[in-house]
Amino acid sequence: MHSYEFLDHTADLYLRARADSLAELLTACGEAMFGVLVEGGKVAETTSIEVELEAEDAEDLVHAWLRELLFRFDAEHLVLCRFNVHEATPTGLRATCLGEPFDPARHQGGTEIKAVTYHGFSVAHTPDGWVAEVLFDI
């Protein structure tokens, strides 16, 4: 099970995600980010992309994941709606992401995210599961 919430912040967008596993945490972070980038409109699962990443640790992995997804949105105009994380360890992941190209007739643009910052960024494995705190520069 995973969840996310947005917390008050004076200038940027502050996300806290929780999950039972690292794979679910990555999914929650992806869902949260695309929920901000695109508002309303059903996203069809007509496009599939494969993502494989390596990292130093879980914190670096989550950061790299969000940067990769934001790049796909900015450069390829992909709106992603489903994140199938097949493998996730603190040092790597393999995932299939589903969605479709942004269509202004069907999708409403949300809040622009300029970057995934390192300020206030953290990922922790606690006795209750995984927690990530992310500050998006908007």
C-alpha atoms as a PDB file:
ATOM      1  CA  MET A   1       0.000   0.000   0.000  1.00  0.00           C
ATOM      2  CA  HIS A   2       1.220   3.504  -0.760  1.00  0.00           C
ATOM      3  CA  SER A   3       0.048   7.062  -0.254  1.00  0.00           C
ATOM      4  CA  TYR A   4       1.205  10.616  -0.654  1.00  0.00           C
ATOM      5  CA  GLU A   5       0.299  14.056   0.586  1.00  0.00           C
ATOM      6  CA  PHE A   6       1.371  17.591  -0.153  1.00  0.00           C
ATOM      7  CA  LEU A   7       2.461  19.697   2.801  1.00  0.00           C
ATOM      8  CA  ASP A   8       2.466  23.459   3.202  1.00  0.00           C
ATOM      9  CA  HIS A   9       5.512  25.245   1.850  1.00  0.00           C
ATOM     10  CA  THR A  10       6.014  28.940   1.238  1.00  0.00           C
ATOM     11  CA  ALA A  11       7.256  28.858  -2.365  1.00  0.00           C
ATOM     12  CA  ASP A  12       7.672  25.327  -3.696  1.00  0.00           C
ATOM     13  CA  LEU A  13       5.731  22.061  -3.668  1.00  0.00           C
ATOM     14  CA  TYR A  14       6.520  19.743  -0.759  1.00  0.00           C
ATOM     15  CA  LEU A  15       5.618  16.052  -1.080  1.00  0.00           C
ATOM     16  CA  ARG A  16       5.658  13.289   1.518  1.00  0.00           C
ATOM     17  CA  ALA A  17       5.124   9.754   0.228  1.00  0.00           C
ATOM     18  CA  ARG A  18       4.814   6.556   2.261  1.00  0.00           C
ATOM     19  CA  ALA A  19       4.840   2.921   1.188  1.00  0.00           C
ATOM     20  CA  ASP A  20       5.391  -0.610   2.399  1.00  0.00           C
ATOM     21  CA  SER A  21       8.139  -1.261  -0.159  1.00  0.00           C
ATOM     22  CA  LEU A  22      10.654   0.720  -2.163  1.00  0.00           C
ATOM     23  CA  ALA A  23       8.833  -0.229  -5.389  1.00  0.00           C
ATOM     24  CA  GLU A  24       5.573   1.169  -4.000  1.00  0.00           C
ATOM     25  CA  LEU A  25       7.379   4.329  -2.848  1.00  0.00           C
ATOM     26  CA  LEU A  26       8.647   4.911  -6.390  1.00  0.00           C
ATOM     27  CA  THR A  27       5.104   4.400  -7.689  1.00  0.00           C
ATOM     28  CA  ALA A  28       3.649   6.851  -5.152  1.00  0.00           C
ATOM     29  CA  CYS A  29       6.223   9.506  -6.053  1.00  0.00           C
ATOM     30  CA  GLY A  30       5.524   9.090  -9.780  1.00  0.00           C
ATOM     31  CA  GLU A  31       1.757   9.286  -9.283  1.00  0.00           C
ATOM     32  CA  ALA A  32       2.103  12.392  -7.119  1.00  0.00           C
ATOM     33  CA  MET A  33       4.339  14.202  -9.595  1.00  0.00           C
ATOM     34  CA  PHE A  34       2.088  13.521 -12.595  1.00  0.00           C
ATOM     35  CA  GLY A  35      -0.949  14.465 -10.516  1.00  0.00           C
ATOM     36  CA  VAL A  36       0.635  17.909 -10.213  1.00  0.00           C
ATOM     37  CA  LEU A  37       1.858  18.210 -13.813  1.00  0.00           C
ATOM     38  CA  VAL A  38      -1.474  17.271 -15.416  1.00  0.00           C
ATOM     39  CA  GLU A  39      -4.908  17.908 -13.969  1.00  0.00           C
ATOM     40  CA  GLY A  40      -8.078  16.214 -15.112  1.00  0.00           C
ATOM     41  CA  GLY A  41      -8.653  14.056 -18.126  1.00  0.00           C
ATOM     42  CA  LYS A  42      -8.244  10.332 -18.265  1.00  0.00           C
ATOM     43  CA  VAL A  43      -4.820   9.179 -19.402  1.00  0.00           C
ATOM     44  CA  ALA A  44      -4.835   6.291 -21.859  1.00  0.00           C
ATOM     45  CA  GLU A  45      -2.180   3.607 -21.597  1.00  0.00           C
ATOM     46  CA  THR A  46      -1.156   3.716 -25.271  1.00  0.00           C
ATOM     47  CA  THR A  47       2.570   4.341 -24.809  1.00  0.00           C
ATOM     48  CA  SER A  48       5.005   2.223 -22.844  1.00  0.00           C
ATOM     49  CA  ILE A  49       8.534   3.184 -21.797  1.00  0.00           C
ATOM     50  CA  GLU A  50      11.169   1.137 -20.022  1.00  0.00           C
ATOM     51  CA  VAL A  51      13.231   2.774 -17.292  1.00  0.00           C
ATOM     52  CA  GLU A  52      16.379   1.269 -15.807  1.00  0.00           C
ATOM     53  CA  LEU A  53      18.431   3.238 -13.305  1.00  0.00           C
ATOM     54  CA  GLU A  54      21.412   2.649 -11.058  1.00  0.00           C
ATOM     55  CA  ALA A  55      22.179   4.683  -7.971  1.00  0.00           C
ATOM     56  CA  GLU A  56      24.439   4.963  -4.938  1.00  0.00           C
ATOM     57  CA  ASP A  57      21.596   4.482  -2.453  1.00  0.00           C
ATOM     58  CA  ALA A  58      17.815   4.686  -2.095  1.00  0.00           C
ATOM     59  CA  GLU A  59      17.826   8.471  -1.779  1.00  0.00           C
ATOM     60  CA  ASP A  60      19.811   8.841  -5.006  1.00  0.00           C
ATOM     61  CA  LEU A  61      17.519   6.292  -6.688  1.00  0.00           C
ATOM     62  CA  VAL A  62      14.271   8.119  -5.866  1.00  0.00           C
ATOM     63  CA  HIS A  63      15.805  11.416  -6.955  1.00  0.00           C
ATOM     64  CA  ALA A  64      17.029   9.914 -10.253  1.00  0.00           C
ATOM     65  CA  TRP A  65      13.596   8.315 -10.833  1.00  0.00           C
ATOM     66  CA  LEU A  66      11.762  11.606 -10.443  1.00  0.00           C
ATOM     67  CA  ARG A  67      14.296  13.448 -12.632  1.00  0.00           C
ATOM     68  CA  GLU A  68      13.885  10.791 -15.347  1.00  0.00           C
ATOM     69  CA  LEU A  69      10.080  10.998 -15.246  1.00  0.00           C
ATOM     70  CA  LEU A  70      10.176  14.804 -15.357  1.00  0.00           C
ATOM     71  CA  PHE A  71      12.573  14.632 -18.332  1.00  0.00           C
ATOM     72  CA  ARG A  72      10.155  12.304 -20.186  1.00  0.00           C
ATOM     73  CA  PHE A  73       7.337  14.788 -19.569  1.00  0.00           C
ATOM     74  CA  ASP A  74       9.371  17.832 -20.617  1.00  0.00           C
ATOM     75  CA  ALA A  75      11.276  16.367 -23.590  1.00  0.00           C
ATOM     76  CA  GLU A  76       8.839  13.763 -24.925  1.00  0.00           C
ATOM     77  CA  HIS A  77       5.572  15.297 -23.658  1.00  0.00           C
ATOM     78  CA  LEU A  78       4.553  11.976 -22.100  1.00  0.00           C
ATOM     79  CA  VAL A  79       1.839  11.906 -19.476  1.00  0.00           C
ATOM     80  CA  LEU A  80       2.408   8.780 -17.424  1.00  0.00           C
ATOM     81  CA  CYS A  81      -0.306   7.195 -15.334  1.00  0.00           C
ATOM     82  CA  ARG A  82       0.886   3.716 -14.370  1.00  0.00           C
ATOM     83  CA  PHE A  83       4.245   2.715 -12.965  1.00  0.00           C
ATOM     84  CA  ASN A  84       5.035  -0.994 -12.910  1.00  0.00           C
ATOM     85  CA  VAL A  85       8.233  -1.280 -10.918  1.00  0.00           C
ATOM     86  CA  HIS A  86       9.491  -4.799 -11.634  1.00  0.00           C
ATOM     87  CA  GLU A  87      12.662  -4.596  -9.539  1.00  0.00           C
ATOM     88  CA  ALA A  88      13.685  -2.076  -6.916  1.00  0.00           C
ATOM     89  CA  THR A  89      16.699  -2.173  -4.640  1.00  0.00           C
ATOM     90  CA  PRO A  90      18.383   0.817  -3.017  1.00  0.00           C
ATOM     91  CA  THR A  91      20.926   0.774  -5.866  1.00  0.00           C
ATOM     92  CA  GLY A  92      18.751   0.162  -8.907  1.00  0.00           C
ATOM     93  CA  LEU A  93      15.368  -0.224 -10.518  1.00  0.00           C
ATOM     94  CA  ARG A  94      13.712  -1.609 -13.598  1.00  0.00           C
ATOM     95  CA  ALA A  95      10.234  -0.349 -14.462  1.00  0.00           C
ATOM     96  CA  THR A  96       7.676  -0.094 -17.231  1.00  0.00           C
ATOM     97  CA  CYS A  97       5.710   3.163 -17.299  1.00  0.00           C
ATOM     98  CA  LEU A  98       2.458   3.560 -19.212  1.00  0.00           C
ATOM     99  CA  GLY A  99       0.695   6.646 -20.482  1.00  0.00           C
ATOM    100  CA  GLU A 100       0.248   8.702 -23.621  1.00  0.00           C
ATOM    101  CA  PRO A 101       1.464  11.890 -25.284  1.00  0.00           C
ATOM    102  CA  PHE A 102       0.049  15.092 -23.784  1.00  0.00           C
ATOM    103  CA  ASP A 103      -3.085  16.138 -25.672  1.00  0.00           C
ATOM    104  CA  PRO A 104      -4.301  19.670 -24.839  1.00  0.00           C
ATOM    105  CA  ALA A 105      -7.774  18.704 -26.052  1.00  0.00           C
ATOM    106  CA  ARG A 106      -7.981  16.012 -23.357  1.00  0.00           C
ATOM    107  CA  HIS A 107      -5.443  16.970 -20.684  1.00  0.00           C
ATOM    108  CA  GLN A 108      -5.344  20.135 -18.656  1.00  0.00           C
ATOM    109  CA  GLY A 109      -1.888  21.379 -17.741  1.00  0.00           C
ATOM    110  CA  GLY A 110      -1.312  21.574 -14.030  1.00  0.00           C
ATOM    111  CA  THR A 111       1.515  23.142 -12.086  1.00  0.00           C
ATOM    112  CA  GLU A 112       4.850  23.327 -13.889  1.00  0.00           C
ATOM    113  CA  ILE A 113       7.658  21.561 -12.053  1.00  0.00           C
ATOM    114  CA  LYS A 114      11.021  23.073 -12.938  1.00  0.00           C
ATOM    115  CA  ALA A 115      13.190  20.637 -10.984  1.00  0.00           C
ATOM    116  CA  VAL A 116      13.403  17.981  -8.313  1.00  0.00           C
ATOM    117  CA  THR A 117      15.579  19.680  -5.714  1.00  0.00           C
ATOM    118  CA  TYR A 118      17.995  18.239  -3.180  1.00  0.00           C
ATOM    119  CA  HIS A 119      16.882  20.786  -0.587  1.00  0.00           C
ATOM    120  CA  GLY A 120      14.901  18.972   2.105  1.00  0.00           C
ATOM    121  CA  PHE A 121      15.065  15.749   0.075  1.00  0.00           C
ATOM    122  CA  SER A 122      15.144  12.513   2.055  1.00  0.00           C
ATOM    123  CA  VAL A 123      14.323   8.837   1.746  1.00  0.00           C
ATOM    124  CA  ALA A 124      14.192   6.574   4.783  1.00  0.00           C
ATOM    125  CA  HIS A 125      13.439   2.941   5.473  1.00  0.00           C
ATOM    126  CA  THR A 126      11.660   2.890   8.833  1.00  0.00           C
ATOM    127  CA  PRO A 127      10.084   0.052  10.847  1.00  0.00           C
ATOM    128  CA  ASP A 128       6.728   1.155   9.339  1.00  0.00           C
ATOM    129  CA  GLY A 129       7.971   1.130   5.710  1.00  0.00           C
ATOM    130  CA  TRP A 130       9.504   3.653   3.346  1.00  0.00           C
ATOM    131  CA  VAL A 131       9.110   7.450   3.510  1.00  0.00           C
ATOM    132  CA  ALA A 132      10.256  10.070   1.001  1.00  0.00           C
ATOM    133  CA  GLU A 133      10.166  13.823   1.337  1.00  0.00           C
ATOM    134  CA  VAL A 134      10.605  15.758  -1.897  1.00  0.00           C
ATOM    135  CA  LEU A 135      10.689  19.463  -2.641  1.00  0.00           C
ATOM    136  CA  PHE A 136       9.737  20.345  -6.225  1.00  0.00           C
ATOM    137  CA  ASP A 137      10.876  23.710  -7.579  1.00  0.00           C
ATOM    138  CA  ILE A 138       7.779  25.221  -9.233  1.00  0.00           C
END
